[in-house]
Protein backbone atom coordinates (compact mmCIF):
# COMPACT_ATOMS: atom_id res chain seq x y z
CA MET A 1 0.00 0.00 0.00
CA ILE A 2 1.34 3.40 -0.89
CA SER A 3 1.18 6.40 1.39
CA LYS A 4 -1.30 9.21 0.90
CA GLU A 5 1.56 11.55 0.07
CA THR A 6 2.86 9.22 -2.65
CA ALA A 7 -0.65 8.77 -4.07
CA TYR A 8 -1.12 12.52 -4.08
CA GLN A 9 2.17 13.04 -5.90
CA GLN A 10 1.26 10.41 -8.49
CA ILE A 11 -2.13 12.01 -9.06
CA GLN A 12 -0.44 15.39 -9.48
CA ALA A 13 1.84 13.83 -12.10
CA LEU A 14 -1.21 12.47 -13.98
CA VAL A 15 -2.87 15.87 -13.90
CA LYS A 16 0.32 17.50 -15.17
CA ARG A 17 0.54 14.98 -18.02
CA PHE A 18 -3.07 15.72 -18.91
CA GLU A 19 -2.46 19.48 -18.82
CA GLU A 20 0.51 19.05 -21.16
CA GLN A 21 -1.73 17.27 -23.67
CA ILE A 22 -4.87 19.35 -23.23
CA GLU A 23 -4.43 21.33 -26.44
CA SER A 24 -4.40 18.11 -28.41
CA TYR A 25 -7.66 17.08 -26.72
CA ARG A 26 -9.25 20.48 -27.28
CA SER A 27 -8.28 20.78 -30.91
CA CYS A 28 -9.38 17.21 -31.58
CA ASP A 29 -6.45 16.73 -33.93
CA HIS A 30 -7.59 13.24 -34.61
CA ASN A 31 -11.06 11.92 -35.18
CA GLU A 32 -10.44 9.19 -32.61
CA THR A 33 -10.65 11.77 -29.83
CA LEU A 34 -14.01 13.00 -31.13
CA THR A 35 -15.30 9.46 -31.38
CA ARG A 36 -14.24 8.63 -27.84
CA ARG A 37 -15.70 11.86 -26.50
CA ASP A 38 -19.02 11.22 -28.24
CA SER A 39 -19.09 7.64 -26.95
CA ILE A 40 -18.47 8.80 -23.39
CA ILE A 41 -21.19 11.44 -23.68
CA SER A 42 -23.64 8.81 -24.94
CA LEU A 43 -22.81 6.52 -22.02
CA VAL A 44 -23.23 9.36 -19.51
CA ASP A 45 -26.64 10.16 -21.04
CA PHE A 46 -27.54 6.49 -20.72
CA MET A 47 -26.50 6.51 -17.05
CA LEU A 48 -28.74 9.52 -16.42
CA GLN A 49 -31.62 7.64 -18.03
CA LEU A 50 -30.90 4.58 -15.89
CA ASN A 51 -30.87 6.74 -12.76
CA ARG A 52 -34.29 8.12 -13.67
CA GLU A 53 -35.54 4.56 -14.20
CA MET A 54 -34.07 3.54 -10.84
CA SER A 55 -35.88 6.31 -9.02
CA SER A 56 -39.23 5.19 -10.40
CA ALA A 57 -38.68 1.43 -10.13
CA VAL A 58 -40.51 -0.34 -7.33
CA ILE A 59 -39.90 -4.02 -8.05
CA PRO A 60 -36.68 -5.22 -6.36
CA GLU A 61 -35.69 -7.43 -9.31
CA ILE A 62 -36.00 -4.51 -11.72
CA LYS A 63 -33.93 -2.32 -9.38
CA GLU A 64 -31.20 -4.99 -9.31
CA GLN A 65 -31.18 -5.17 -13.11
CA ILE A 66 -30.88 -1.40 -13.38
CA LYS A 67 -28.13 -1.37 -10.74
CA ALA A 68 -26.17 -3.98 -12.72
CA ARG A 69 -26.54 -1.91 -15.89
CA LEU A 70 -25.39 1.20 -14.03
CA ASN A 71 -22.31 -0.60 -12.70
CA TYR A 72 -21.46 -1.98 -16.14
CA THR A 73 -21.88 1.43 -17.79
CA ASP A 74 -19.77 3.10 -15.10
CA GLN A 75 -16.97 0.58 -15.65
CA LYS A 76 -17.15 1.11 -19.40
CA ILE A 77 -16.91 4.90 -19.00
CA ASN A 78 -13.94 4.51 -16.65
CA ALA A 79 -12.14 2.24 -19.11
CA MET A 80 -12.70 4.70 -21.95
CA VAL A 81 -11.44 7.64 -19.88
CA TYR A 82 -8.36 5.68 -18.79
CA GLN A 83 -7.64 4.84 -22.41
CA LEU A 84 -8.25 8.42 -23.51
CA TYR A 85 -5.65 9.69 -21.05
CA GLY A 86 -3.27 6.84 -21.77
CA LEU A 87 -3.14 5.60 -18.19
CA LYS A 88 -0.86 2.68 -17.44
CA PRO A 89 -2.17 -0.29 -15.41
CA GLU A 90 -0.44 0.89 -12.24
CA GLU A 91 -1.95 4.37 -12.68
CA ILE A 92 -5.40 2.88 -13.18
CA ALA A 93 -4.96 0.82 -10.01
CA MET A 94 -3.97 3.94 -8.13
CA VAL A 95 -7.07 5.82 -9.33
CA GLU A 96 -9.32 2.86 -8.52
CA ASN A 97 -7.87 2.52 -5.03
CA PHE A 98 -8.24 6.26 -4.42
CA ARG A 99 -12.00 6.17 -5.10
């Protein structure tokens, strides 16, 4: 287990790396970035829809199905964001453990 200070320093390094590449993300130099962004936006919209369904669901089995879909969608979004920022497995593990 790493210390909080080490985790904080590693997160700062990730943020710095992102900031160094932000112009590339903003200018969308490559269509792949646009495609990923649009896919993430679609998944977030889907999660919002699932949350609305969850709030109106009354049957426990339906709630469990919606919860499973929410978890799956959340994992998919996380994976896409990690890929978008080019995170390495150890960086992903650090982010996951920080949450």
